[in-house]
Structure formats: C-alpha cells, structure tokens
Amino acid sequence: GTSRAKELIFTARRIGADEAGRLGLVDRVVAPGKALESALALA
C-alpha cells in the first residue's frame, strides 16, 4: 500500500520480520535459521 510504503521509505526505518509479516512485506515468518528450509518446503 502507498501510505505504508511512503512511511518506510521516508523514515528509512528498519523493521523486524514480525512487522514485515503484518504489513504483508513477507508471506511467512519462521523460526530463526529456518527460512531456507521453509522456502524449500513451499517450493
């Protein structure tokens, strides 16, 4: 969405995975170190 994107770009904010998940920036949040394993399962 436009407003959320503007906020992140204007502030140069760094966000964590959980917030990225709530925003829809990432589709799945998994345990640390398990992203590749989860991506492979999805693949």
PDB file of all heavy atoms in Angstrom:
ATOM      1  N   GLY A   1       0.820  -1.204   0.000  1.00  0.00           N
ATOM      2  CA  GLY A   1       0.000   0.000   0.000  1.00  0.00           C
ATOM      3  C   GLY A   1       0.860   1.263   0.000  1.00  0.00           C
ATOM      4  O   GLY A   1       1.978   1.274   0.528  1.00  0.00           O
ATOM      5  N   THR A   2       0.316   2.315  -0.562  1.00  0.00           N
ATOM      6  CA  THR A   2       1.082   3.542  -0.777  1.00  0.00           C
ATOM      7  C   THR A   2       1.531   4.201   0.519  1.00  0.00           C
ATOM      8  O   THR A   2       2.710   4.529   0.683  1.00  0.00           O
ATOM      9  CB  THR A   2       0.248   4.535  -1.605  1.00  0.00           C
ATOM     10  OG1 THR A   2      -0.112   3.932  -2.853  1.00  0.00           O
ATOM     11  CG2 THR A   2       1.034   5.802  -1.879  1.00  0.00           C
ATOM     12  N   SER A   3       0.625   4.407   1.459  1.00  0.00           N
ATOM     13  CA  SER A   3       0.973   5.136   2.678  1.00  0.00           C
ATOM     14  C   SER A   3       2.011   4.383   3.508  1.00  0.00           C
ATOM     15  O   SER A   3       2.965   4.983   4.025  1.00  0.00           O
ATOM     16  CB  SER A   3      -0.272   5.406   3.523  1.00  0.00           C
ATOM     17  OG  SER A   3      -1.155   6.272   2.847  1.00  0.00           O
ATOM     18  N   ARG A   4       1.839   3.087   3.640  1.00  0.00           N
ATOM     19  CA  ARG A   4       2.800   2.302   4.416  1.00  0.00           C
ATOM     20  C   ARG A   4       4.169   2.314   3.747  1.00  0.00           C
ATOM     21  O   ARG A   4       5.206   2.394   4.414  1.00  0.00           O
ATOM     22  CB  ARG A   4       2.294   0.873   4.583  1.00  0.00           C
ATOM     23  CG  ARG A   4       1.118   0.754   5.545  1.00  0.00           C
ATOM     24  CD  ARG A   4       0.553  -0.640   5.545  1.00  0.00           C
ATOM     25  NE  ARG A   4      -0.457  -0.819   6.590  1.00  0.00           N
ATOM     26  CZ  ARG A   4      -1.194  -1.901   6.721  1.00  0.00           C
ATOM     27  NH1 ARG A   4      -1.050  -2.905   5.872  1.00  0.00           N
ATOM     28  NH2 ARG A   4      -2.086  -1.987   7.699  1.00  0.00           N
ATOM     29  N   ALA A   5       4.176   2.217   2.419  1.00  0.00           N
ATOM     30  CA  ALA A   5       5.453   2.258   1.697  1.00  0.00           C
ATOM     31  C   ALA A   5       6.131   3.611   1.866  1.00  0.00           C
ATOM     32  O   ALA A   5       7.345   3.686   2.098  1.00  0.00           O
ATOM     33  CB  ALA A   5       5.230   1.951   0.215  1.00  0.00           C
ATOM     34  N   LYS A   6       5.357   4.684   1.772  1.00  0.00           N
ATOM     35  CA  LYS A   6       5.930   6.014   1.966  1.00  0.00           C
ATOM     36  C   LYS A   6       6.552   6.141   3.352  1.00  0.00           C
ATOM     37  O   LYS A   6       7.645   6.699   3.514  1.00  0.00           O
ATOM     38  CB  LYS A   6       4.855   7.087   1.783  1.00  0.00           C
ATOM     39  CG  LYS A   6       4.454   7.348   0.337  1.00  0.00           C
ATOM     40  CD  LYS A   6       3.355   8.399   0.292  1.00  0.00           C
ATOM     41  CE  LYS A   6       2.934   8.713  -1.136  1.00  0.00           C
ATOM     42  NZ  LYS A   6       1.826   9.697  -1.184  1.00  0.00           N
ATOM     43  N   GLU A   7       5.855   5.642   4.362  1.00  0.00           N
ATOM     44  CA  GLU A   7       6.380   5.745   5.722  1.00  0.00           C
ATOM     45  C   GLU A   7       7.724   5.032   5.846  1.00  0.00           C
ATOM     46  O   GLU A   7       8.673   5.585   6.407  1.00  0.00           O
ATOM     47  CB  GLU A   7       5.386   5.150   6.723  1.00  0.00           C
ATOM     48  CG  GLU A   7       5.869   5.236   8.170  1.00  0.00           C
ATOM     49  CD  GLU A   7       4.858   4.699   9.167  1.00  0.00           C
ATOM     50  OE1 GLU A   7       3.679   4.527   8.786  1.00  0.00           O
ATOM     51  OE2 GLU A   7       5.254   4.452  10.316  1.00  0.00           O
ATOM     52  N   LEU A   8       7.811   3.833   5.310  1.00  0.00           N
ATOM     53  CA  LEU A   8       9.057   3.088   5.418  1.00  0.00           C
ATOM     54  C   LEU A   8      10.178   3.752   4.619  1.00  0.00           C
ATOM     55  O   LEU A   8      11.331   3.806   5.077  1.00  0.00           O
ATOM     56  CB  LEU A   8       8.862   1.648   4.943  1.00  0.00           C
ATOM     57  CG  LEU A   8       7.977   0.765   5.819  1.00  0.00           C
ATOM     58  CD1 LEU A   8       7.905  -0.648   5.246  1.00  0.00           C
ATOM     59  CD2 LEU A   8       8.492   0.713   7.253  1.00  0.00           C
ATOM     60  N   ILE A   9       9.849   4.263   3.448  1.00  0.00           N
ATOM     61  CA  ILE A   9      10.873   4.907   2.616  1.00  0.00           C
ATOM     62  C   ILE A   9      11.280   6.261   3.187  1.00  0.00           C
ATOM     63  O   ILE A   9      12.474   6.591   3.267  1.00  0.00           O
ATOM     64  CB  ILE A   9      10.369   5.046   1.163  1.00  0.00           C
ATOM     65  CG1 ILE A   9      10.230   3.652   0.519  1.00  0.00           C
ATOM     66  CG2 ILE A   9      11.317   5.913   0.339  1.00  0.00           C
ATOM     67  CD1 ILE A   9       9.515   3.660  -0.816  1.00  0.00           C
ATOM     68  N   PHE A  10      10.311   7.073   3.616  1.00  0.00           N
ATOM     69  CA  PHE A  10      10.629   8.407   4.141  1.00  0.00           C
ATOM     70  C   PHE A  10      11.456   8.328   5.422  1.00  0.00           C
ATOM     71  O   PHE A  10      12.336   9.160   5.659  1.00  0.00           O
ATOM     72  CB  PHE A  10       9.346   9.185   4.425  1.00  0.00           C
ATOM     73  CG  PHE A  10       8.536   9.543   3.201  1.00  0.00           C
ATOM     74  CD1 PHE A  10       7.256  10.084   3.352  1.00  0.00           C
ATOM     75  CD2 PHE A  10       9.020   9.348   1.917  1.00  0.00           C
ATOM     76  CE1 PHE A  10       6.489  10.421   2.244  1.00  0.00           C
ATOM     77  CE2 PHE A  10       8.258   9.678   0.804  1.00  0.00           C
ATOM     78  CZ  PHE A  10       6.996  10.214   0.970  1.00  0.00           C
ATOM     79  N   THR A  11      11.158   7.351   6.273  1.00  0.00           N
ATOM     80  CA  THR A  11      11.853   7.245   7.561  1.00  0.00           C
ATOM     81  C   THR A  11      13.136   6.431   7.475  1.00  0.00           C
ATOM     82  O   THR A  11      13.962   6.465   8.394  1.00  0.00           O
ATOM     83  CB  THR A  11      10.958   6.584   8.621  1.00  0.00           C
ATOM     84  OG1 THR A  11      10.633   5.247   8.203  1.00  0.00           O
ATOM     85  CG2 THR A  11       9.677   7.386   8.846  1.00  0.00           C
ATOM     86  N   ALA A  12      13.323   5.666   6.373  1.00  0.00           N
ATOM     87  CA  ALA A  12      14.460   4.739   6.242  1.00  0.00           C
ATOM     88  C   ALA A  12      14.462   3.711   7.377  1.00  0.00           C
ATOM     89  O   ALA A  12      15.503   3.207   7.779  1.00  0.00           O
ATOM     90  CB  ALA A  12      15.789   5.490   6.197  1.00  0.00           C
ATOM     91  N   ARG A  13      13.270   3.407   7.884  1.00  0.00           N
ATOM     92  CA  ARG A  13      13.156   2.537   9.056  1.00  0.00           C
ATOM     93  C   ARG A  13      13.517   1.090   8.707  1.00  0.00           C
ATOM     94  O   ARG A  13      13.194   0.592   7.634  1.00  0.00           O
ATOM     95  CB  ARG A  13      11.731   2.583   9.591  1.00  0.00           C
ATOM     96  CG  ARG A  13      11.511   1.770  10.878  1.00  0.00           C
ATOM     97  CD  ARG A  13      10.069   1.870  11.331  1.00  0.00           C
ATOM     98  NE  ARG A  13       9.694   3.260  11.537  1.00  0.00           N
ATOM     99  CZ  ARG A  13       8.483   3.759  11.269  1.00  0.00           C
ATOM    100  NH1 ARG A  13       7.540   2.973  10.787  1.00  0.00           N
ATOM    101  NH2 ARG A  13       8.222   5.031  11.489  1.00  0.00           N
ATOM    102  N   ARG A  14      14.169   0.443   9.656  1.00  0.00           N
ATOM    103  CA  ARG A  14      14.474  -0.972   9.566  1.00  0.00           C
ATOM    104  C   ARG A  14      13.485  -1.724  10.450  1.00  0.00           C
ATOM    105  O   ARG A  14      13.366  -1.407  11.630  1.00  0.00           O
ATOM    106  CB  ARG A  14      15.913  -1.235  10.012  1.00  0.00           C
ATOM    107  CG  ARG A  14      16.912  -0.417   9.218  1.00  0.00           C
ATOM    108  CD  ARG A  14      18.335  -0.598   9.717  1.00  0.00           C
ATOM    109  NE  ARG A  14      19.252   0.259   8.967  1.00  0.00           N
ATOM    110  CZ  ARG A  14      20.529  -0.029   8.728  1.00  0.00           C
ATOM    111  NH1 ARG A  14      21.039  -1.160   9.204  1.00  0.00           N
ATOM    112  NH2 ARG A  14      21.285   0.798   8.028  1.00  0.00           N
ATOM    113  N   ILE A  15      12.798  -2.678   9.880  1.00  0.00           N
ATOM    114  CA  ILE A  15      11.763  -3.385  10.639  1.00  0.00           C
ATOM    115  C   ILE A  15      12.113  -4.851  10.775  1.00  0.00           C
ATOM    116  O   ILE A  15      12.885  -5.409   9.982  1.00  0.00           O
ATOM    117  CB  ILE A  15      10.372  -3.229   9.983  1.00  0.00           C
ATOM    118  CG1 ILE A  15      10.346  -3.874   8.592  1.00  0.00           C
ATOM    119  CG2 ILE A  15       9.977  -1.760   9.918  1.00  0.00           C
ATOM    120  CD1 ILE A  15       8.970  -3.904   7.957  1.00  0.00           C
ATOM    121  N   GLY A  16      11.549  -5.479  11.794  1.00  0.00           N
ATOM    122  CA  GLY A  16      11.766  -6.899  12.018  1.00  0.00           C
ATOM    123  C   GLY A  16      10.829  -7.749  11.183  1.00  0.00           C
ATOM    124  O   GLY A  16       9.886  -7.255  10.545  1.00  0.00           O
ATOM    125  N   ALA A  17      11.079  -9.048  11.204  1.00  0.00           N
ATOM    126  CA  ALA A  17      10.306  -9.972  10.388  1.00  0.00           C
ATOM    127  C   ALA A  17       8.832  -9.995  10.780  1.00  0.00           C
ATOM    128  O   ALA A  17       7.954 -10.082   9.912  1.00  0.00           O
ATOM    129  CB  ALA A  17      10.901 -11.375  10.487  1.00  0.00           C
ATOM    130  N   ASP A  18       8.540  -9.908  12.084  1.00  0.00           N
ATOM    131  CA  ASP A  18       7.142  -9.970  12.507  1.00  0.00           C
ATOM    132  C   ASP A  18       6.357  -8.783  11.957  1.00  0.00           C
ATOM    133  O   ASP A  18       5.229  -8.951  11.467  1.00  0.00           O
ATOM    134  CB  ASP A  18       7.042 -10.000  14.032  1.00  0.00           C
ATOM    135  CG  ASP A  18       7.456 -11.354  14.605  1.00  0.00           C
ATOM    136  OD1 ASP A  18       7.420 -12.352  13.853  1.00  0.00           O
ATOM    137  OD2 ASP A  18       7.821 -11.410  15.795  1.00  0.00           O
ATOM    138  N   GLU A  19       6.931  -7.585  12.045  1.00  0.00           N
ATOM    139  CA  GLU A  19       6.241  -6.423  11.487  1.00  0.00           C
ATOM    140  C   GLU A  19       6.130  -6.542   9.980  1.00  0.00           C
ATOM    141  O   GLU A  19       5.085  -6.194   9.391  1.00  0.00           O
ATOM    142  CB  GLU A  19       6.962  -5.129  11.861  1.00  0.00           C
ATOM    143  CG  GLU A  19       6.236  -3.882  11.371  1.00  0.00           C
ATOM    144  CD  GLU A  19       6.862  -2.571  11.818  1.00  0.00           C
ATOM    145  OE1 GLU A  19       7.854  -2.616  12.588  1.00  0.00           O
ATOM    146  OE2 GLU A  19       6.363  -1.513  11.395  1.00  0.00           O
ATOM    147  N   ALA A  20       7.183  -7.036   9.337  1.00  0.00           N
ATOM    148  CA  ALA A  20       7.127  -7.235   7.882  1.00  0.00           C
ATOM    149  C   ALA A  20       6.014  -8.202   7.514  1.00  0.00           C
ATOM    150  O   ALA A  20       5.317  -8.022   6.510  1.00  0.00           O
ATOM    151  CB  ALA A  20       8.470  -7.755   7.378  1.00  0.00           C
ATOM    152  N   GLY A  21       5.806  -9.216   8.350  1.00  0.00           N
ATOM    153  CA  GLY A  21       4.714 -10.151   8.108  1.00  0.00           C
ATOM    154  C   GLY A  21       3.359  -9.493   8.255  1.00  0.00           C
ATOM    155  O   GLY A  21       2.454  -9.725   7.449  1.00  0.00           O
ATOM    156  N   ARG A  22       3.201  -8.657   9.285  1.00  0.00           N
ATOM    157  CA  ARG A  22       1.919  -7.967   9.478  1.00  0.00           C
ATOM    158  C   ARG A  22       1.621  -7.010   8.328  1.00  0.00           C
ATOM    159  O   ARG A  22       0.455  -6.840   7.935  1.00  0.00           O
ATOM    160  CB  ARG A  22       1.943  -7.195  10.803  1.00  0.00           C
ATOM    161  CG  ARG A  22       1.907  -8.097  12.040  1.00  0.00           C
ATOM    162  CD  ARG A  22       1.609  -7.301  13.293  1.00  0.00           C
ATOM    163  NE  ARG A  22       2.659  -6.337  13.606  1.00  0.00           N
ATOM    164  CZ  ARG A  22       3.726  -6.591  14.342  1.00  0.00           C
ATOM    165  NH1 ARG A  22       3.914  -7.813  14.848  1.00  0.00           N
ATOM    166  NH2 ARG A  22       4.622  -5.653  14.593  1.00  0.00           N
ATOM    167  N   LEU A  23       2.656  -6.402   7.778  1.00  0.00           N
ATOM    168  CA  LEU A  23       2.468  -5.473   6.665  1.00  0.00           C
ATOM    169  C   LEU A  23       2.228  -6.184   5.337  1.00  0.00           C
ATOM    170  O   LEU A  23       1.777  -5.569   4.374  1.00  0.00           O
ATOM    171  CB  LEU A  23       3.696  -4.565   6.523  1.00  0.00           C
ATOM    172  CG  LEU A  23       3.943  -3.546   7.629  1.00  0.00           C
ATOM    173  CD1 LEU A  23       5.290  -2.855   7.421  1.00  0.00           C
ATOM    174  CD2 LEU A  23       2.828  -2.510   7.665  1.00  0.00           C
ATOM    175  N   GLY A  24       2.531  -7.470   5.285  1.00  0.00           N
ATOM    176  CA  GLY A  24       2.431  -8.194   4.022  1.00  0.00           C
ATOM    177  C   GLY A  24       3.691  -8.098   3.185  1.00  0.00           C
ATOM    178  O   GLY A  24       3.707  -8.503   2.020  1.00  0.00           O
ATOM    179  N   LEU A  25       4.754  -7.581   3.780  1.00  0.00           N
ATOM    180  CA  LEU A  25       6.024  -7.474   3.074  1.00  0.00           C
ATOM    181  C   LEU A  25       6.662  -8.851   2.891  1.00  0.00           C
ATOM    182  O   LEU A  25       7.345  -9.109   1.902  1.00  0.00           O
ATOM    183  CB  LEU A  25       6.957  -6.537   3.853  1.00  0.00           C
ATOM    184  CG  LEU A  25       8.365  -6.289   3.335  1.00  0.00           C
ATOM    185  CD1 LEU A  25       8.369  -5.920   1.871  1.00  0.00           C
ATOM    186  CD2 LEU A  25       9.020  -5.181   4.168  1.00  0.00           C
ATOM    187  N   VAL A  26       6.465  -9.736   3.856  1.00  0.00           N
ATOM    188  CA  VAL A  26       6.863 -11.131   3.700  1.00  0.00           C
ATOM    189  C   VAL A  26       5.629 -12.001   3.887  1.00  0.00           C
ATOM    190  O   VAL A  26       4.673 -11.610   4.549  1.00  0.00           O
ATOM    191  CB  VAL A  26       7.977 -11.541   4.689  1.00  0.00           C
ATOM    192  CG1 VAL A  26       9.221 -10.695   4.475  1.00  0.00           C
ATOM    193  CG2 VAL A  26       7.521 -11.452   6.131  1.00  0.00           C
ATOM    194  N   ASP A  27       5.653 -13.177   3.290  1.00  0.00           N
ATOM    195  CA  ASP A  27       4.481 -14.058   3.299  1.00  0.00           C
ATOM    196  C   ASP A  27       4.487 -15.039   4.453  1.00  0.00           C
ATOM    197  O   ASP A  27       3.427 -15.460   4.917  1.00  0.00           O
ATOM    198  CB  ASP A  27       4.416 -14.821   1.973  1.00  0.00           C
ATOM    199  CG  ASP A  27       4.337 -13.870   0.794  1.00  0.00           C
ATOM    200  OD1 ASP A  27       3.272 -13.274   0.590  1.00  0.00           O
ATOM    201  OD2 ASP A  27       5.357 -13.707   0.096  1.00  0.00           O
ATOM    202  N   ARG A  28       5.681 -15.422   4.910  1.00  0.00           N
ATOM    203  CA  ARG A  28       5.799 -16.342   6.028  1.00  0.00           C
ATOM    204  C   ARG A  28       6.940 -15.894   6.929  1.00  0.00           C
ATOM    205  O   ARG A  28       8.000 -15.474   6.439  1.00  0.00           O
ATOM    206  CB  ARG A  28       6.088 -17.769   5.548  1.00  0.00           C
ATOM    207  CG  ARG A  28       4.976 -18.414   4.746  1.00  0.00           C
ATOM    208  CD  ARG A  28       5.298 -19.874   4.459  1.00  0.00           C
ATOM    209  NE  ARG A  28       4.230 -20.516   3.686  1.00  0.00           N
ATOM    210  CZ  ARG A  28       4.202 -21.803   3.383  1.00  0.00           C
ATOM    211  NH1 ARG A  28       5.192 -22.604   3.794  1.00  0.00           N
ATOM    212  NH2 ARG A  28       3.210 -22.314   2.688  1.00  0.00           N
ATOM    213  N   VAL A  29       6.734 -15.983   8.234  1.00  0.00           N
ATOM    214  CA  VAL A  29       7.792 -15.749   9.217  1.00  0.00           C
ATOM    215  C   VAL A  29       7.997 -17.056   9.962  1.00  0.00           C
ATOM    216  O   VAL A  29       7.047 -17.633  10.500  1.00  0.00           O
ATOM    217  CB  VAL A  29       7.433 -14.618  10.199  1.00  0.00           C
ATOM    218  CG1 VAL A  29       8.540 -14.430  11.233  1.00  0.00           C
ATOM    219  CG2 VAL A  29       7.185 -13.313   9.439  1.00  0.00           C
ATOM    220  N   VAL A  30       9.247 -17.523   9.976  1.00  0.00           N
ATOM    221  CA  VAL A  30       9.547 -18.828  10.571  1.00  0.00           C
ATOM    222  C   VAL A  30      10.660 -18.662  11.604  1.00  0.00           C
ATOM    223  O   VAL A  30      11.225 -17.575  11.773  1.00  0.00           O
ATOM    224  CB  VAL A  30       9.959 -19.835   9.481  1.00  0.00           C
ATOM    225  CG1 VAL A  30       8.799 -20.056   8.514  1.00  0.00           C
ATOM    226  CG2 VAL A  30      11.191 -19.368   8.717  1.00  0.00           C
ATOM    227  N   ALA A  31      10.961 -19.727  12.306  1.00  0.00           N
ATOM    228  CA  ALA A  31      11.999 -19.677  13.334  1.00  0.00           C
ATOM    229  C   ALA A  31      13.332 -19.239  12.732  1.00  0.00           C
ATOM    230  O   ALA A  31      13.594 -19.488  11.547  1.00  0.00           O
ATOM    231  CB  ALA A  31      12.140 -21.049  13.987  1.00  0.00           C
ATOM    232  N   PRO A  32      14.165 -18.563  13.520  1.00  0.00           N
ATOM    233  CA  PRO A  32      15.470 -18.132  13.007  1.00  0.00           C
ATOM    234  C   PRO A  32      16.246 -19.300  12.403  1.00  0.00           C
ATOM    235  O   PRO A  32      16.286 -20.397  12.970  1.00  0.00           O
ATOM    236  CB  PRO A  32      16.176 -17.587  14.263  1.00  0.00           C
ATOM    237  CG  PRO A  32      15.072 -17.196  15.184  1.00  0.00           C
ATOM    238  CD  PRO A  32      13.975 -18.187  14.940  1.00  0.00           C
ATOM    239  N   GLY A  33      16.843 -19.049  11.260  1.00  0.00           N
ATOM    240  CA  GLY A  33      17.631 -20.076  10.593  1.00  0.00           C
ATOM    241  C   GLY A  33      16.834 -21.068   9.776  1.00  0.00           C
ATOM    242  O   GLY A  33      17.413 -21.975   9.157  1.00  0.00           O
ATOM    243  N   LYS A  34      15.507 -20.914   9.741  1.00  0.00           N
ATOM    244  CA  LYS A  34      14.656 -21.883   9.056  1.00  0.00           C
ATOM    245  C   LYS A  34      14.040 -21.342   7.757  1.00  0.00           C
ATOM    246  O   LYS A  34      13.183 -22.005   7.166  1.00  0.00           O
ATOM    247  CB  LYS A  34      13.530 -22.338   9.985  1.00  0.00           C
ATOM    248  CG  LYS A  34      14.014 -23.068  11.245  1.00  0.00           C
ATOM    249  CD  LYS A  34      14.692 -24.374  10.905  1.00  0.00           C
ATOM    250  CE  LYS A  34      15.046 -25.153  12.167  1.00  0.00           C
ATOM    251  NZ  LYS A  34      15.728 -26.434  11.850  1.00  0.00           N
ATOM    252  N   ALA A  35      14.472 -20.158   7.328  1.00  0.00           N
ATOM    253  CA  ALA A  35      13.845 -19.564   6.143  1.00  0.00           C
ATOM    254  C   ALA A  35      14.070 -20.413   4.902  1.00  0.00           C
ATOM    255  O   ALA A  35      13.139 -20.649   4.127  1.00  0.00           O
ATOM    256  CB  ALA A  35      14.374 -18.148   5.918  1.00  0.00           C
ATOM    257  N   LEU A  36      15.290 -20.880   4.694  1.00  0.00           N
ATOM    258  CA  LEU A  36      15.557 -21.689   3.507  1.00  0.00           C
ATOM    259  C   LEU A  36      14.781 -22.998   3.570  1.00  0.00           C
ATOM    260  O   LEU A  36      14.182 -23.424   2.575  1.00  0.00           O
ATOM    261  CB  LEU A  36      17.048 -21.961   3.364  1.00  0.00           C
ATOM    262  CG  LEU A  36      17.446 -22.830   2.157  1.00  0.00           C
ATOM    263  CD1 LEU A  36      16.953 -22.215   0.854  1.00  0.00           C
ATOM    264  CD2 LEU A  36      18.947 -23.043   2.126  1.00  0.00           C
ATOM    265  N   GLU A  37      14.774 -23.630   4.722  1.00  0.00           N
ATOM    266  CA  GLU A  37      14.035 -24.880   4.882  1.00  0.00           C
ATOM    267  C   GLU A  37      12.555 -24.681   4.569  1.00  0.00           C
ATOM    268  O   GLU A  37      11.928 -25.495   3.875  1.00  0.00           O
ATOM    269  CB  GLU A  37      14.210 -25.387   6.312  1.00  0.00           C
ATOM    270  CG  GLU A  37      13.489 -26.687   6.629  1.00  0.00           C
ATOM    271  CD  GLU A  37      13.682 -27.118   8.077  1.00  0.00           C
ATOM    272  OE1 GLU A  37      14.793 -26.939   8.609  1.00  0.00           O
ATOM    273  OE2 GLU A  37      12.705 -27.620   8.682  1.00  0.00           O
ATOM    274  N   SER A  38      11.987 -23.587   5.063  1.00  0.00           N
ATOM    275  CA  SER A  38      10.572 -23.308   4.810  1.00  0.00           C
ATOM    276  C   SER A  38      10.334 -22.961   3.348  1.00  0.00           C
ATOM    277  O   SER A  38       9.329 -23.372   2.756  1.00  0.00           O
ATOM    278  CB  SER A  38      10.098 -22.162   5.708  1.00  0.00           C
ATOM    279  OG  SER A  38       8.732 -21.871   5.479  1.00  0.00           O
ATOM    280  N   ALA A  39      11.262 -22.206   2.753  1.00  0.00           N
ATOM    281  CA  ALA A  39      11.131 -21.861   1.333  1.00  0.00           C
ATOM    282  C   ALA A  39      11.191 -23.111   0.473  1.00  0.00           C
ATOM    283  O   ALA A  39      10.447 -23.240  -0.508  1.00  0.00           O
ATOM    284  CB  ALA A  39      12.223 -20.874   0.929  1.00  0.00           C
ATOM    285  N   LEU A  40      12.066 -24.041   0.824  1.00  0.00           N
ATOM    286  CA  LEU A  40      12.156 -25.290   0.072  1.00  0.00           C
ATOM    287  C   LEU A  40      10.885 -26.116   0.229  1.00  0.00           C
ATOM    288  O   LEU A  40      10.414 -26.736  -0.735  1.00  0.00           O
ATOM    289  CB  LEU A  40      13.369 -26.087   0.535  1.00  0.00           C
ATOM    290  CG  LEU A  40      14.729 -25.519   0.122  1.00  0.00           C
ATOM    291  CD1 LEU A  40      15.852 -26.303   0.776  1.00  0.00           C
ATOM    292  CD2 LEU A  40      14.888 -25.532  -1.391  1.00  0.00           C
ATOM    293  N   ALA A  41      10.316 -26.114   1.426  1.00  0.00           N
ATOM    294  CA  ALA A  41       9.061 -26.839   1.632  1.00  0.00           C
ATOM    295  C   ALA A  41       7.958 -26.238   0.767  1.00  0.00           C
ATOM    296  O   ALA A  41       7.146 -26.975   0.175  1.00  0.00           O
ATOM    297  CB  ALA A  41       8.667 -26.796   3.106  1.00  0.00           C
ATOM    298  N   LEU A  42       7.923 -24.920   0.682  1.00  0.00           N
ATOM    299  CA  LEU A  42       6.935 -24.246  -0.162  1.00  0.00           C
ATOM    300  C   LEU A  42       7.187 -24.564  -1.633  1.00  0.00           C
ATOM    301  O   LEU A  42       6.244 -24.840  -2.394  1.00  0.00           O
ATOM    302  CB  LEU A  42       7.001 -22.739   0.089  1.00  0.00           C
ATOM    303  CG  LEU A  42       6.016 -21.849  -0.658  1.00  0.00           C
ATOM    304  CD1 LEU A  42       4.580 -22.271  -0.401  1.00  0.00           C
ATOM    305  CD2 LEU A  42       6.219 -20.391  -0.233  1.00  0.00           C
ATOM    306  N   ALA A  43       8.451 -24.548  -2.023  1.00  0.00           N
ATOM    307  CA  ALA A  43       8.799 -24.879  -3.404  1.00  0.00           C
ATOM    308  C   ALA A  43       8.371 -26.300  -3.747  1.00  0.00           C
ATOM    309  O   ALA A  43       7.910 -26.578  -4.863  1.00  0.00           O
ATOM    310  CB  ALA A  43      10.302 -24.711  -3.622  1.00  0.00           C
TER     311      ALA A  43
END
